[in-house]
């Protein structure tokens, strides 16, 4: 399978796990608590498969960066958290970094 598809699945799984973590109320709410375990467990499994084909710096950097961007978006949309201009610039810089590492650099196979 395409390693970038696996990486996308890992990112989505992490986003599910992190959103469930917010909803778990310190693991006192059973269903979201289960979502944390399943989401993070699947995310780490998919990352491990991705690492069979791509360099660790590319995989972890992309996973972490897009996780940050995704969680920030979920915070704004789902939890009505604020996003100020400095935060928006920071997110754009993160996205620019992911683009540079995955498209412009020679760190990975194109």
C-alpha atoms as a PDB file:
ATOM      1  CA  UNK A   1       0.000   0.000   0.000  1.00  0.00           C
ATOM      2  CA  UNK A   2       1.128   3.576  -0.638  1.00  0.00           C
ATOM      3  CA  UNK A   3       3.002   4.780   2.464  1.00  0.00           C
ATOM      4  CA  UNK A   4       1.404   8.207   2.224  1.00  0.00           C
ATOM      5  CA  UNK A   5      -2.057   6.612   2.420  1.00  0.00           C
ATOM      6  CA  UNK A   6      -0.921   4.784   5.562  1.00  0.00           C
ATOM      7  CA  UNK A   7       0.475   8.031   6.948  1.00  0.00           C
ATOM      8  CA  UNK A   8      -2.808   9.820   6.239  1.00  0.00           C
ATOM      9  CA  UNK A   9      -4.614   7.041   8.099  1.00  0.00           C
ATOM     10  CA  UNK A  10      -2.227   7.448  11.023  1.00  0.00           C
ATOM     11  CA  UNK A  11      -2.882  11.190  11.129  1.00  0.00           C
ATOM     12  CA  UNK A  12      -6.656  10.732  11.033  1.00  0.00           C
ATOM     13  CA  UNK A  13      -6.418   8.073  13.758  1.00  0.00           C
ATOM     14  CA  UNK A  14      -4.367  10.401  15.919  1.00  0.00           C
ATOM     15  CA  UNK A  15      -6.919  13.173  15.413  1.00  0.00           C
ATOM     16  CA  UNK A  16      -9.696  10.810  16.493  1.00  0.00           C
ATOM     17  CA  UNK A  17      -7.673   9.774  19.546  1.00  0.00           C
ATOM     18  CA  UNK A  18      -6.856  13.341  20.517  1.00  0.00           C
ATOM     19  CA  UNK A  19     -10.440  14.506  20.091  1.00  0.00           C
ATOM     20  CA  UNK A  20     -11.594  11.563  22.198  1.00  0.00           C
ATOM     21  CA  UNK A  21      -8.983  12.535  24.809  1.00  0.00           C
ATOM     22  CA  UNK A  22     -10.571  15.973  25.107  1.00  0.00           C
ATOM     23  CA  UNK A  23     -14.013  14.359  25.443  1.00  0.00           C
ATOM     24  CA  UNK A  24     -12.894  11.690  27.939  1.00  0.00           C
ATOM     25  CA  UNK A  25     -12.906  14.077  30.917  1.00  0.00           C
ATOM     26  CA  UNK A  26      -9.715  12.663  32.370  1.00  0.00           C
ATOM     27  CA  UNK A  27     -10.679   9.116  31.338  1.00  0.00           C
ATOM     28  CA  UNK A  28     -13.853   9.281  33.425  1.00  0.00           C
ATOM     29  CA  UNK A  29     -16.096   8.941  30.344  1.00  0.00           C
ATOM     30  CA  UNK A  30     -15.775   5.330  29.080  1.00  0.00           C
ATOM     31  CA  UNK A  31     -16.679   5.658  25.382  1.00  0.00           C
ATOM     32  CA  UNK A  32     -14.292   8.516  24.565  1.00  0.00           C
ATOM     33  CA  UNK A  33     -11.651   6.797  26.709  1.00  0.00           C
ATOM     34  CA  UNK A  34     -11.949   3.745  24.459  1.00  0.00           C
ATOM     35  CA  UNK A  35     -11.634   6.085  21.463  1.00  0.00           C
ATOM     36  CA  UNK A  36      -8.319   7.341  22.857  1.00  0.00           C
ATOM     37  CA  UNK A  37      -6.872   3.846  23.113  1.00  0.00           C
ATOM     38  CA  UNK A  38      -8.159   2.715  19.707  1.00  0.00           C
ATOM     39  CA  UNK A  39      -7.244   5.971  17.948  1.00  0.00           C
ATOM     40  CA  UNK A  40      -3.694   6.147  19.271  1.00  0.00           C
ATOM     41  CA  UNK A  41      -3.156   2.397  18.949  1.00  0.00           C
ATOM     42  CA  UNK A  42      -4.167   2.445  15.282  1.00  0.00           C
ATOM     43  CA  UNK A  43      -2.124   5.602  14.675  1.00  0.00           C
ATOM     44  CA  UNK A  44       1.079   4.028  16.017  1.00  0.00           C
ATOM     45  CA  UNK A  45       0.448   0.819  14.076  1.00  0.00           C
ATOM     46  CA  UNK A  46      -0.023   2.726  10.811  1.00  0.00           C
ATOM     47  CA  UNK A  47       3.062   4.853  11.475  1.00  0.00           C
ATOM     48  CA  UNK A  48       5.072   1.673  12.025  1.00  0.00           C
ATOM     49  CA  UNK A  49       3.969   0.416   8.601  1.00  0.00           C
ATOM     50  CA  UNK A  50       4.798   3.765   7.019  1.00  0.00           C
ATOM     51  CA  UNK A  51       8.316   3.593   8.452  1.00  0.00           C
ATOM     52  CA  UNK A  52       8.970   0.482   6.365  1.00  0.00           C
ATOM     53  CA  UNK A  53       9.043   2.673   3.227  1.00  0.00           C
ATOM     54  CA  UNK A  54       9.813   6.255   4.251  1.00  0.00           C
ATOM     55  CA  UNK A  55      12.556   7.884   6.350  1.00  0.00           C
ATOM     56  CA  UNK A  56      11.746   8.453  10.012  1.00  0.00           C
ATOM     57  CA  UNK A  57      12.334  12.219   9.806  1.00  0.00           C
ATOM     58  CA  UNK A  58       9.826  12.608   6.995  1.00  0.00           C
ATOM     59  CA  UNK A  59       7.246  10.336   8.619  1.00  0.00           C
ATOM     60  CA  UNK A  60       7.416  11.727  12.129  1.00  0.00           C
ATOM     61  CA  UNK A  61       7.732  15.334  10.989  1.00  0.00           C
ATOM     62  CA  UNK A  62       4.725  15.042   8.703  1.00  0.00           C
ATOM     63  CA  UNK A  63       2.672  13.097  11.259  1.00  0.00           C
ATOM     64  CA  UNK A  64       3.395  15.566  14.044  1.00  0.00           C
ATOM     65  CA  UNK A  65       2.946  18.688  11.912  1.00  0.00           C
ATOM     66  CA  UNK A  66      -0.312  17.671  10.284  1.00  0.00           C
ATOM     67  CA  UNK A  67      -1.531  16.425  13.651  1.00  0.00           C
ATOM     68  CA  UNK A  68      -0.945  19.903  15.084  1.00  0.00           C
ATOM     69  CA  UNK A  69      -2.767  21.557  12.197  1.00  0.00           C
ATOM     70  CA  UNK A  70      -5.641  19.071  12.361  1.00  0.00           C
ATOM     71  CA  UNK A  71      -6.075  19.359  16.118  1.00  0.00           C
ATOM     72  CA  UNK A  72      -6.019  23.145  15.879  1.00  0.00           C
ATOM     73  CA  UNK A  73      -8.750  22.989  13.220  1.00  0.00           C
ATOM     74  CA  UNK A  74     -10.818  20.591  15.336  1.00  0.00           C
ATOM     75  CA  UNK A  75     -10.386  22.918  18.306  1.00  0.00           C
ATOM     76  CA  UNK A  76     -11.722  25.857  16.307  1.00  0.00           C
ATOM     77  CA  UNK A  77     -14.588  24.022  14.600  1.00  0.00           C
ATOM     78  CA  UNK A  78     -15.734  21.516  17.235  1.00  0.00           C
ATOM     79  CA  UNK A  79     -14.749  23.118  20.541  1.00  0.00           C
ATOM     80  CA  UNK A  80     -15.129  26.785  19.556  1.00  0.00           C
ATOM     81  CA  UNK A  81     -11.527  27.575  20.505  1.00  0.00           C
ATOM     82  CA  UNK A  82     -10.058  30.845  19.218  1.00  0.00           C
ATOM     83  CA  UNK A  83      -7.486  31.181  16.452  1.00  0.00           C
ATOM     84  CA  UNK A  84      -5.703  34.511  16.344  1.00  0.00           C
ATOM     85  CA  UNK A  85      -3.593  35.886  13.468  1.00  0.00           C
ATOM     86  CA  UNK A  86      -0.310  34.729  15.021  1.00  0.00           C
ATOM     87  CA  UNK A  87      -1.724  31.217  15.342  1.00  0.00           C
ATOM     88  CA  UNK A  88      -2.865  31.264  11.723  1.00  0.00           C
ATOM     89  CA  UNK A  89       0.608  32.354  10.585  1.00  0.00           C
ATOM     90  CA  UNK A  90       2.155  29.580  12.667  1.00  0.00           C
ATOM     91  CA  UNK A  91      -0.131  27.004  11.067  1.00  0.00           C
ATOM     92  CA  UNK A  92       0.758  28.283   7.593  1.00  0.00           C
ATOM     93  CA  UNK A  93       4.456  27.984   8.473  1.00  0.00           C
ATOM     94  CA  UNK A  94       3.908  24.402   9.642  1.00  0.00           C
ATOM     95  CA  UNK A  95       2.156  23.563   6.368  1.00  0.00           C
ATOM     96  CA  UNK A  96       5.002  25.199   4.450  1.00  0.00           C
ATOM     97  CA  UNK A  97       7.485  23.040   6.327  1.00  0.00           C
ATOM     98  CA  UNK A  98       5.567  19.868   5.496  1.00  0.00           C
ATOM     99  CA  UNK A  99       5.535  20.902   1.832  1.00  0.00           C
ATOM    100  CA  UNK A 100       9.279  21.577   1.842  1.00  0.00           C
ATOM    101  CA  UNK A 101      10.154  18.259   3.483  1.00  0.00           C
ATOM    102  CA  UNK A 102       7.832  16.129   1.357  1.00  0.00           C
ATOM    103  CA  UNK A 103       8.023  17.865  -2.028  1.00  0.00           C
ATOM    104  CA  UNK A 104      11.094  20.065  -2.329  1.00  0.00           C
ATOM    105  CA  UNK A 105      13.715  18.216  -0.304  1.00  0.00           C
ATOM    106  CA  UNK A 106      15.537  15.047  -1.233  1.00  0.00           C
ATOM    107  CA  UNK A 107      14.755  13.484   2.153  1.00  0.00           C
ATOM    108  CA  UNK A 108      12.196  11.174   0.553  1.00  0.00           C
ATOM    109  CA  UNK A 109      11.556   9.462  -2.753  1.00  0.00           C
ATOM    110  CA  UNK A 110       9.487  11.598  -5.146  1.00  0.00           C
END
